[in-house]
Amino acid sequence: LAHQHRVSNCIELMLTEVLIMANEHFKVTGMDGKLCRMSDAIDDMVAYAKLSDWVIMAIQNSAEPGLARARELLQRVRRRD
């Protein structure tokens, strides 16, 4: 069993929470042009292949009120707060 650093585990949980909060706000185009939520992309390899760091950057730079809590959490991750 590998040792995992407490801070790394906390950051991983925070980023997971950010992505859960943003799930309904971001859609990616999958097979046959179908729009998929991030959480559904696991079943569509075309959509899955499009997911990368751009999602985090889009959340951070978004002005959408529905993503305010996700942006705050990202700021905490960046500050290691």
C-alpha atoms as a PDB file:
ATOM      1  CA  LEU A   1       0.000   0.000   0.000  1.00  0.00           C
ATOM      2  CA  ALA A   2       1.536   3.285  -1.101  1.00  0.00           C
ATOM      3  CA  HIS A   3       1.765   6.193   1.299  1.00  0.00           C
ATOM      4  CA  GLN A   4      -0.266   9.192   0.238  1.00  0.00           C
ATOM      5  CA  HIS A   5       0.517  12.642   1.537  1.00  0.00           C
ATOM      6  CA  ARG A   6      -2.326  14.292   3.475  1.00  0.00           C
ATOM      7  CA  VAL A   7      -2.085  17.541   1.468  1.00  0.00           C
ATOM      8  CA  SER A   8      -2.177  15.672  -1.856  1.00  0.00           C
ATOM      9  CA  ASN A   9      -5.263  13.790  -0.721  1.00  0.00           C
ATOM     10  CA  CYS A  10      -6.991  17.032   0.302  1.00  0.00           C
ATOM     11  CA  ILE A  11      -6.209  18.697  -3.029  1.00  0.00           C
ATOM     12  CA  GLU A  12      -7.497  15.661  -4.908  1.00  0.00           C
ATOM     13  CA  LEU A  13     -10.772  15.778  -2.960  1.00  0.00           C
ATOM     14  CA  MET A  14     -11.142  19.523  -3.539  1.00  0.00           C
ATOM     15  CA  LEU A  15     -10.567  19.182  -7.299  1.00  0.00           C
ATOM     16  CA  THR A  16     -13.058  16.329  -7.425  1.00  0.00           C
ATOM     17  CA  GLU A  17     -15.614  18.551  -5.719  1.00  0.00           C
ATOM     18  CA  VAL A  18     -14.913  21.366  -8.226  1.00  0.00           C
ATOM     19  CA  LEU A  19     -15.554  19.004 -11.140  1.00  0.00           C
ATOM     20  CA  ILE A  20     -18.761  17.708  -9.551  1.00  0.00           C
ATOM     21  CA  MET A  21     -19.985  21.298  -9.118  1.00  0.00           C
ATOM     22  CA  ALA A  22     -19.172  22.079 -12.750  1.00  0.00           C
ATOM     23  CA  ASN A  23     -20.614  18.869 -14.217  1.00  0.00           C
ATOM     24  CA  GLU A  24     -23.931  20.398 -15.276  1.00  0.00           C
ATOM     25  CA  HIS A  25     -22.261  23.520 -16.680  1.00  0.00           C
ATOM     26  CA  PHE A  26     -19.886  21.922 -19.196  1.00  0.00           C
ATOM     27  CA  LYS A  27     -20.792  19.684 -22.092  1.00  0.00           C
ATOM     28  CA  VAL A  28     -18.419  18.092 -24.581  1.00  0.00           C
ATOM     29  CA  THR A  29     -19.291  16.799 -28.023  1.00  0.00           C
ATOM     30  CA  GLY A  30     -19.129  13.039 -28.277  1.00  0.00           C
ATOM     31  CA  MET A  31     -19.946  10.429 -30.887  1.00  0.00           C
ATOM     32  CA  ASP A  32     -22.441  11.499 -33.522  1.00  0.00           C
ATOM     33  CA  GLY A  33     -22.299  15.101 -32.232  1.00  0.00           C
ATOM     34  CA  LYS A  34     -24.096  14.205 -29.014  1.00  0.00           C
ATOM     35  CA  LEU A  35     -23.437  16.578 -26.090  1.00  0.00           C
ATOM     36  CA  CYS A  36     -22.244  14.823 -22.941  1.00  0.00           C
ATOM     37  CA  ARG A  37     -21.813  15.997 -19.384  1.00  0.00           C
ATOM     38  CA  MET A  38     -18.320  15.405 -18.051  1.00  0.00           C
ATOM     39  CA  SER A  39     -19.582  12.582 -15.848  1.00  0.00           C
ATOM     40  CA  ASP A  40     -21.116  10.836 -18.871  1.00  0.00           C
ATOM     41  CA  ALA A  41     -17.984  11.098 -20.997  1.00  0.00           C
ATOM     42  CA  ILE A  42     -16.653   7.866 -19.486  1.00  0.00           C
ATOM     43  CA  ASP A  43     -19.152   6.052 -21.734  1.00  0.00           C
ATOM     44  CA  ASP A  44     -18.196   8.018 -24.862  1.00  0.00           C
ATOM     45  CA  MET A  45     -14.525   7.870 -25.805  1.00  0.00           C
ATOM     46  CA  VAL A  46     -14.837  10.751 -28.296  1.00  0.00           C
ATOM     47  CA  ALA A  47     -16.117  13.018 -25.508  1.00  0.00           C
ATOM     48  CA  TYR A  48     -13.697  11.577 -22.945  1.00  0.00           C
ATOM     49  CA  ALA A  49     -10.701  12.315 -25.147  1.00  0.00           C
ATOM     50  CA  LYS A  50     -11.679  16.004 -25.173  1.00  0.00           C
ATOM     51  CA  LEU A  51     -11.519  16.407 -21.401  1.00  0.00           C
ATOM     52  CA  SER A  52      -8.308  17.965 -20.129  1.00  0.00           C
ATOM     53  CA  ASP A  53      -7.024  20.874 -18.053  1.00  0.00           C
ATOM     54  CA  TRP A  54      -9.114  23.292 -20.125  1.00  0.00           C
ATOM     55  CA  VAL A  55     -12.064  22.470 -17.846  1.00  0.00           C
ATOM     56  CA  ILE A  56     -10.270  23.780 -14.758  1.00  0.00           C
ATOM     57  CA  MET A  57      -9.156  26.903 -16.643  1.00  0.00           C
ATOM     58  CA  ALA A  58     -12.699  27.469 -17.951  1.00  0.00           C
ATOM     59  CA  ILE A  59     -14.138  27.208 -14.436  1.00  0.00           C
ATOM     60  CA  GLN A  60     -11.503  29.578 -13.075  1.00  0.00           C
ATOM     61  CA  ASN A  61     -12.137  32.153 -15.811  1.00  0.00           C
ATOM     62  CA  SER A  62     -15.913  31.823 -15.887  1.00  0.00           C
ATOM     63  CA  ALA A  63     -18.193  34.615 -14.722  1.00  0.00           C
ATOM     64  CA  GLU A  64     -21.169  32.238 -14.472  1.00  0.00           C
ATOM     65  CA  PRO A  65     -22.868  32.643 -11.074  1.00  0.00           C
ATOM     66  CA  GLY A  66     -23.529  28.903 -10.873  1.00  0.00           C
ATOM     67  CA  LEU A  67     -19.788  28.257 -10.776  1.00  0.00           C
ATOM     68  CA  ALA A  68     -18.975  30.757  -8.005  1.00  0.00           C
ATOM     69  CA  ARG A  69     -18.472  28.077  -5.345  1.00  0.00           C
ATOM     70  CA  ALA A  70     -16.298  26.014  -7.707  1.00  0.00           C
ATOM     71  CA  ARG A  71     -14.150  29.111  -8.424  1.00  0.00           C
ATOM     72  CA  GLU A  72     -13.767  29.754  -4.696  1.00  0.00           C
ATOM     73  CA  LEU A  73     -12.659  26.178  -4.132  1.00  0.00           C
ATOM     74  CA  LEU A  74     -10.131  26.437  -6.972  1.00  0.00           C
ATOM     75  CA  GLN A  75      -8.717  29.574  -5.353  1.00  0.00           C
ATOM     76  CA  ARG A  76      -8.313  27.629  -2.104  1.00  0.00           C
ATOM     77  CA  VAL A  77      -6.447  24.883  -3.978  1.00  0.00           C
ATOM     78  CA  ARG A  78      -4.131  27.418  -5.592  1.00  0.00           C
ATOM     79  CA  ARG A  79      -3.451  29.094  -2.221  1.00  0.00           C
ATOM     80  CA  ARG A  80      -3.085  25.674  -0.554  1.00  0.00           C
ATOM     81  CA  ASP A  81      -5.721  26.933   1.895  1.00  0.00           C
END
